[in-house]
Amino acid sequence: MKSKARLTSVLLVLVVFVFGLLDVALVVGDESSGWQVDVFTQKEPFSGVGFGEPSDAFAPHEAVVLFAYVTYNLAPVQNILVSYKVSGPPNIVQNISLSLVASTNDVGVAKVDFTIPWPGENAETITFGDWTIMANIENASDYLCFRVGWIVEIASLNVMDEDPPQGGWLNVELRLENIAMASKNVSLALVLFDSLNQIIGNLVVRNFSVDVGGTDFSSILQIPYWAAVGLGSVNASVYAPSGAPHCPGRSATFAISLLGDLNGDNKVDVKDVSIVALAFGSHPGQPRWNPVADVNKDGGIDTKDVALVAKNFGEAYSG
């Protein structure tokens, strides 16, 4: 029994000793990581710190600052030459490729910078998309990717009422897309024009938050009674807090119809008066109700609607 106990004790000591050596080996392995380089950008907090981590997005003409942190056994190393290979998105027009070099400073960081080019014709095809950065030293390398494009872009602009009358309402809907890794606050501007290119309305929304991926926006704008009949337009623009535009604007057209032209024949006459007269005094759900005759859209057909038709009685629009 004593021999077995003694043997068991010896085995336990050997096991503890072996695991102790393994722990020491693991610690030494962590501390002896050799040469490392980590490339990242100025886009805090999504700068790409860490091996192969992506950076936040960049816009056209924006400066890209690249940092490469060089270490040996986790300690920074000075005066190490770092080479950078910058590759733009593959395309059939022109593939951008840049080679840059810099030496590490007192804290082991090599710094270079360049500006996202904008070559004119086909610029979006050439520059928009995923960019790749390779940072190399003699014994190690790292890479990161980032996206280039309009950080916030008006993806779509639609008008839901294609032919509002003078004094009517225009429902505008936008889709804003955001390629950044965080939400962005923007100023959104809408401007309405009539067929004579006169400004007939505008809306500015400040500090509008666009979520990562994108956000929808809608608004209802009134058409003035004095607006010129015919083809009008709405222009949408998005601005950064600095006042610089985030992207090119978008526009959509709509037709401003003649107030009181209820049958759509481009004139206001007894036919239109008859439409109101036949539905006079009615409300939604009643037999004589006709939503076309509810000119002011207040849910009832009364003298106000008659007055609005009478306002342009005898007027015509040639188109």
Protein backbone atom coordinates (compact mmCIF):
# COMPACT_ATOMS: atom_id res chain seq x y z
CA MET A 1 0.00 0.00 0.00
CA LYS A 2 2.83 2.38 0.88
CA SER A 3 4.50 1.62 -2.47
CA LYS A 4 1.34 2.44 -4.39
CA ALA A 5 0.87 5.68 -2.45
CA ARG A 6 4.48 6.65 -3.06
CA LEU A 7 4.13 5.85 -6.79
CA THR A 8 0.94 7.92 -7.01
CA SER A 9 2.68 10.88 -5.35
CA VAL A 10 5.58 10.66 -7.78
CA LEU A 11 3.18 10.58 -10.75
CA LEU A 12 1.32 13.63 -9.46
CA VAL A 13 4.59 15.51 -9.08
CA LEU A 14 5.58 14.58 -12.64
CA VAL A 15 2.19 15.72 -14.01
CA VAL A 16 2.42 19.07 -12.21
CA PHE A 17 5.99 19.48 -13.45
CA VAL A 18 5.05 18.71 -17.08
CA PHE A 19 2.08 21.09 -17.05
CA GLY A 20 4.27 23.71 -15.48
CA LEU A 21 6.71 23.38 -18.37
CA LEU A 22 3.80 23.67 -20.82
CA ASP A 23 2.63 26.88 -19.13
CA VAL A 24 6.12 28.32 -19.34
CA ALA A 25 6.36 27.30 -22.99
CA LEU A 26 3.00 28.93 -23.75
CA VAL A 27 4.00 32.16 -22.04
CA VAL A 28 7.33 32.22 -23.84
CA GLY A 29 5.47 31.54 -27.12
CA ASP A 30 3.15 34.51 -26.50
CA GLU A 31 6.06 36.79 -25.70
CA SER A 32 8.20 35.51 -28.58
CA SER A 33 5.83 36.42 -31.41
CA GLY A 34 8.64 37.60 -33.68
CA TRP A 35 8.14 40.26 -36.35
CA GLN A 36 4.68 41.76 -36.83
CA VAL A 37 3.23 44.66 -38.81
CA ASP A 38 -0.28 46.08 -38.42
CA VAL A 39 -1.62 48.49 -41.06
CA PHE A 40 -4.59 50.78 -40.32
CA THR A 41 -6.10 54.17 -41.28
CA GLN A 42 -7.15 57.37 -39.51
CA LYS A 43 -10.85 56.34 -39.51
CA GLU A 44 -11.37 55.89 -35.77
CA PRO A 45 -13.00 53.92 -34.27
CA PHE A 46 -13.09 51.67 -37.35
CA SER A 47 -9.51 52.15 -38.47
CA GLY A 48 -8.67 48.53 -39.22
CA VAL A 49 -6.36 47.90 -36.24
CA GLY A 50 -5.69 44.16 -36.07
CA PHE A 51 -4.53 41.66 -38.67
CA GLY A 52 -6.73 41.78 -41.76
CA GLU A 53 -9.33 44.07 -40.15
CA PRO A 54 -11.25 46.43 -42.52
CA SER A 55 -11.29 50.22 -42.28
CA ASP A 56 -14.29 52.53 -42.53
CA ALA A 57 -15.25 53.93 -45.94
CA PHE A 58 -13.74 56.87 -47.81
CA ALA A 59 -15.29 59.37 -50.22
CA PRO A 60 -13.96 60.71 -53.55
CA HIS A 61 -11.14 63.26 -53.14
CA GLU A 62 -10.73 62.25 -49.46
CA ALA A 63 -7.22 61.84 -47.99
CA VAL A 64 -6.28 58.36 -46.80
CA VAL A 65 -3.66 58.20 -44.04
CA LEU A 66 -2.00 54.81 -43.64
CA PHE A 67 -0.16 53.77 -40.48
CA ALA A 68 1.96 50.63 -40.10
CA TYR A 69 2.92 49.59 -36.57
CA VAL A 70 6.01 47.36 -36.59
CA THR A 71 6.99 45.22 -33.59
CA TYR A 72 9.41 42.45 -32.68
CA ASN A 73 8.30 40.25 -29.78
CA LEU A 74 5.56 42.86 -29.27
CA ALA A 75 8.06 45.72 -28.80
CA PRO A 76 8.03 48.61 -31.31
CA VAL A 77 10.98 48.79 -33.70
CA GLN A 78 12.43 51.99 -35.16
CA ASN A 79 13.93 52.65 -38.61
CA ILE A 80 12.23 49.73 -40.36
CA LEU A 81 11.33 50.31 -44.00
CA VAL A 82 7.67 49.57 -44.76
CA SER A 83 6.40 49.22 -48.33
CA TYR A 84 2.73 49.79 -49.14
CA LYS A 85 0.88 48.47 -52.17
CA VAL A 86 -2.43 50.28 -52.81
CA SER A 87 -4.86 48.60 -55.21
CA GLY A 88 -8.13 50.12 -56.39
CA PRO A 89 -11.20 48.08 -57.36
CA PRO A 90 -10.80 45.85 -60.44
CA ASN A 91 -12.64 47.27 -63.48
CA ILE A 92 -12.51 47.23 -67.26
CA VAL A 93 -11.50 50.91 -67.62
CA GLN A 94 -8.45 51.59 -65.44
CA ASN A 95 -7.03 49.71 -62.45
CA ILE A 96 -5.42 52.02 -59.90
CA SER A 97 -2.17 50.85 -58.30
CA LEU A 98 0.14 52.86 -56.03
CA SER A 99 3.44 51.97 -54.34
CA LEU A 100 4.49 53.92 -51.25
CA VAL A 101 7.33 53.56 -48.70
CA ALA A 102 8.10 54.98 -45.26
CA SER A 103 10.30 54.17 -42.25
CA THR A 104 9.07 53.60 -38.72
CA ASN A 105 9.51 56.42 -36.22
CA ASP A 106 10.48 56.38 -32.54
CA VAL A 107 7.29 54.53 -31.58
CA GLY A 108 7.50 51.99 -34.41
CA VAL A 109 4.96 53.60 -36.75
CA ALA A 110 5.47 54.30 -40.46
CA LYS A 111 3.05 56.82 -41.96
CA VAL A 112 2.10 57.62 -45.56
CA ASP A 113 -0.91 59.23 -47.19
CA PHE A 114 -2.59 59.64 -50.57
CA THR A 115 -5.83 61.12 -51.90
CA ILE A 116 -8.60 59.09 -53.49
CA PRO A 117 -8.26 60.06 -57.17
CA TRP A 118 -11.10 61.34 -59.32
CA PRO A 119 -9.99 60.88 -62.92
CA GLY A 120 -12.97 62.58 -64.58
CA GLU A 121 -14.75 60.45 -67.15
CA ASN A 122 -15.71 57.02 -65.75
CA ALA A 123 -14.50 58.16 -62.32
CA GLU A 124 -17.12 56.18 -60.43
CA THR A 125 -16.30 53.01 -62.36
CA ILE A 126 -12.59 53.41 -61.66
CA THR A 127 -12.65 54.44 -58.00
CA PHE A 128 -15.90 53.16 -56.45
CA GLY A 129 -15.67 49.76 -54.79
CA ASP A 130 -13.34 47.84 -52.49
CA TRP A 131 -9.72 48.97 -52.14
CA THR A 132 -6.92 46.78 -50.75
CA ILE A 133 -3.79 47.85 -48.87
CA MET A 134 -0.77 45.57 -48.36
CA ALA A 135 1.93 46.64 -45.90
CA ASN A 136 5.17 44.65 -46.00
CA ILE A 137 8.42 44.50 -44.06
CA GLU A 138 11.17 41.95 -44.63
CA ASN A 139 9.69 39.32 -42.31
CA ALA A 140 5.97 40.15 -41.98
CA SER A 141 2.97 41.71 -43.71
CA ASP A 142 -0.61 42.83 -43.09
CA TYR A 143 -3.52 43.90 -45.26
CA LEU A 144 -6.75 45.85 -44.93
CA CYS A 145 -9.68 46.72 -47.15
CA PHE A 146 -11.95 49.74 -47.30
CA ARG A 147 -14.80 50.87 -49.51
CA VAL A 148 -14.81 54.02 -51.63
CA GLY A 149 -18.04 55.71 -52.69
CA TRP A 150 -20.48 58.43 -51.75
CA ILE A 151 -20.64 58.02 -47.96
CA VAL A 152 -24.31 59.04 -47.95
CA GLU A 153 -26.09 58.82 -51.30
CA ILE A 154 -29.62 59.50 -52.54
CA ALA A 155 -30.37 56.06 -53.92
CA SER A 156 -33.87 56.96 -55.13
CA LEU A 157 -36.27 59.90 -55.29
CA ASN A 158 -39.93 59.36 -56.11
CA VAL A 159 -43.06 61.50 -56.20
CA MET A 160 -46.19 59.60 -55.25
CA ASP A 161 -48.73 62.14 -56.65
CA GLU A 162 -47.85 62.61 -60.30
CA ASP A 163 -50.29 65.42 -61.10
CA PRO A 164 -51.22 67.45 -58.00
CA PRO A 165 -53.38 70.51 -58.72
CA GLN A 166 -52.51 74.06 -57.84
CA GLY A 167 -52.98 74.25 -54.07
CA GLY A 168 -52.64 70.47 -53.79
CA TRP A 169 -50.04 68.31 -52.12
CA LEU A 170 -46.99 66.43 -53.38
CA ASN A 171 -45.80 63.31 -51.54
CA VAL A 172 -42.01 62.92 -51.88
CA GLU A 173 -40.14 59.74 -50.89
CA LEU A 174 -36.37 59.24 -50.74
CA ARG A 175 -34.05 56.35 -50.01
CA LEU A 176 -30.72 57.42 -48.47
CA GLU A 177 -27.89 54.86 -48.40
CA ASN A 178 -24.91 54.99 -46.01
CA ILE A 179 -21.76 52.93 -46.70
CA ALA A 180 -19.99 53.97 -43.48
CA MET A 181 -19.69 51.70 -40.43
CA ALA A 182 -21.60 54.18 -38.25
CA SER A 183 -24.73 56.30 -38.68
CA LYS A 184 -24.27 59.75 -40.22
CA ASN A 185 -26.05 63.04 -39.49
CA VAL A 186 -26.83 65.01 -42.62
CA SER A 187 -28.82 68.01 -43.78
CA LEU A 188 -31.46 67.14 -46.34
CA ALA A 189 -32.83 69.79 -48.71
CA LEU A 190 -35.84 69.55 -51.03
CA VAL A 191 -36.71 72.31 -53.53
CA LEU A 192 -39.85 72.43 -55.70
CA PHE A 193 -39.99 74.18 -59.09
CA ASP A 194 -43.00 74.84 -61.32
CA SER A 195 -43.11 74.73 -65.13
CA LEU A 196 -41.58 78.22 -65.33
CA ASN A 197 -38.66 77.09 -63.14
CA GLN A 198 -39.84 79.27 -60.28
CA ILE A 199 -39.18 78.00 -56.75
CA ILE A 200 -42.58 77.17 -55.31
CA GLY A 201 -41.54 75.41 -52.11
CA ASN A 202 -38.62 74.06 -50.11
CA LEU A 203 -37.83 71.98 -47.05
CA VAL A 204 -34.59 71.67 -45.07
CA VAL A 205 -34.16 68.93 -42.47
CA ARG A 206 -31.05 69.32 -40.31
CA ASN A 207 -29.32 66.61 -38.27
CA PHE A 208 -31.19 63.86 -40.05
CA SER A 209 -29.65 60.53 -38.99
CA VAL A 210 -28.94 57.99 -41.74
CA ASP A 211 -28.45 54.49 -40.34
CA VAL A 212 -25.72 52.10 -41.42
CA GLY A 213 -27.00 50.66 -44.69
CA GLY A 214 -29.63 53.33 -45.22
CA THR A 215 -32.80 55.11 -44.11
CA ASP A 216 -36.06 56.09 -45.83
CA PHE A 217 -37.47 59.61 -45.72
CA SER A 218 -40.81 61.01 -46.85
CA SER A 219 -42.53 64.38 -46.72
CA ILE A 220 -45.67 66.05 -48.08
CA LEU A 221 -45.16 69.48 -49.66
CA GLN A 222 -47.92 71.86 -50.75
CA ILE A 223 -48.14 73.27 -54.25
CA PRO A 224 -49.07 77.00 -54.11
CA TYR A 225 -52.27 78.15 -55.80
CA TRP A 226 -50.21 80.53 -57.91
CA ALA A 227 -47.81 77.85 -59.26
CA ALA A 228 -47.60 77.68 -63.05
CA VAL A 229 -49.46 74.72 -64.52
CA GLY A 230 -47.35 72.16 -66.38
CA LEU A 231 -44.28 70.02 -65.74
CA GLY A 232 -42.66 70.79 -62.38
CA SER A 233 -39.71 69.20 -60.61
CA VAL A 234 -38.35 68.43 -57.16
CA ASN A 235 -34.61 68.50 -56.43
CA ALA A 236 -33.05 66.67 -53.46
CA SER A 237 -29.59 67.32 -51.99
CA VAL A 238 -27.69 65.94 -48.99
CA TYR A 239 -25.01 67.88 -47.10
CA ALA A 240 -22.43 66.98 -44.46
CA PRO A 241 -22.27 69.05 -41.22
CA SER A 242 -19.44 71.04 -42.85
CA GLY A 243 -21.83 72.16 -45.57
CA ALA A 244 -20.13 70.13 -48.31
CA PRO A 245 -22.42 67.99 -50.46
CA HIS A 246 -22.30 64.28 -49.67
CA CYS A 247 -23.18 63.22 -53.21
CA PRO A 248 -24.69 64.50 -56.46
CA GLY A 249 -28.30 65.63 -56.13
CA ARG A 250 -31.29 63.91 -57.65
CA SER A 251 -34.44 65.25 -59.28
CA ALA A 252 -37.87 63.96 -60.29
CA THR A 253 -40.64 65.52 -62.34
CA PHE A 254 -44.38 65.82 -61.77
CA ALA A 255 -47.27 67.61 -63.49
CA ILE A 256 -49.05 70.50 -61.80
CA SER A 257 -52.64 70.41 -62.96
CA LEU A 258 -55.09 73.30 -63.23
CA LEU A 259 -57.02 73.86 -60.02
CA GLY A 260 -60.68 72.97 -60.63
CA ASP A 261 -59.99 70.73 -63.63
CA LEU A 262 -61.71 67.71 -62.14
CA ASN A 263 -62.18 65.67 -65.33
CA GLY A 264 -58.61 66.13 -66.59
CA ASP A 265 -59.40 67.85 -69.89
CA ASN A 266 -57.05 70.78 -69.14
CA LYS A 267 -59.85 73.33 -68.72
CA VAL A 268 -62.32 74.39 -66.03
CA ASP A 269 -65.89 74.61 -67.29
CA VAL A 270 -69.45 73.55 -66.50
CA LYS A 271 -68.45 69.87 -66.61
CA ASP A 272 -66.23 70.38 -63.57
CA VAL A 273 -68.90 72.44 -61.80
CA SER A 274 -71.36 69.59 -62.46
CA ILE A 275 -69.02 67.07 -60.80
CA VAL A 276 -69.00 69.15 -57.62
CA ALA A 277 -72.75 69.83 -57.80
CA LEU A 278 -73.62 66.12 -58.09
CA ALA A 279 -71.60 65.28 -54.99
CA PHE A 280 -72.43 68.44 -53.03
CA GLY A 281 -73.12 67.81 -49.34
CA SER A 282 -71.78 64.23 -49.38
CA HIS A 283 -69.14 62.57 -47.21
CA PRO A 284 -67.08 59.35 -47.56
CA GLY A 285 -69.31 56.26 -47.50
CA GLN A 286 -72.42 58.03 -48.78
CA PRO A 287 -73.91 57.13 -52.19
CA ARG A 288 -73.14 60.46 -53.91
CA TRP A 289 -69.61 60.72 -52.53
CA ASN A 290 -66.96 61.45 -55.17
CA PRO A 291 -63.40 62.01 -53.92
CA VAL A 292 -62.55 63.94 -57.11
CA ALA A 293 -65.05 66.62 -56.09
CA ASP A 294 -63.39 67.04 -52.68
CA VAL A 295 -61.03 69.67 -54.04
CA ASN A 296 -59.56 70.76 -50.70
CA LYS A 297 -59.38 67.16 -49.39
CA ASP A 298 -61.16 67.92 -46.11
CA GLY A 299 -63.46 64.90 -46.26
CA GLY A 300 -66.59 66.76 -47.28
CA ILE A 301 -67.94 68.50 -50.39
CA ASP A 302 -69.27 71.96 -49.69
CA THR A 303 -69.10 75.60 -50.76
CA LYS A 304 -65.31 75.63 -50.26
CA ASP A 305 -64.93 73.11 -53.04
CA VAL A 306 -67.31 75.05 -55.25
CA ALA A 307 -65.28 78.22 -54.65
CA LEU A 308 -62.02 76.48 -55.60
CA VAL A 309 -63.50 75.28 -58.91
CA ALA A 310 -64.93 78.73 -59.54
CA LYS A 311 -61.52 80.29 -58.93
CA ASN A 312 -60.24 79.10 -62.32
CA PHE A 313 -63.58 78.90 -64.15
CA GLY A 314 -62.98 79.55 -67.85
CA GLU A 315 -59.20 78.89 -67.61
CA ALA A 316 -57.56 76.40 -69.92
CA TYR A 317 -54.13 74.84 -70.25
CA SER A 318 -52.80 73.94 -73.69
CA GLY A 319 -50.12 71.53 -72.35
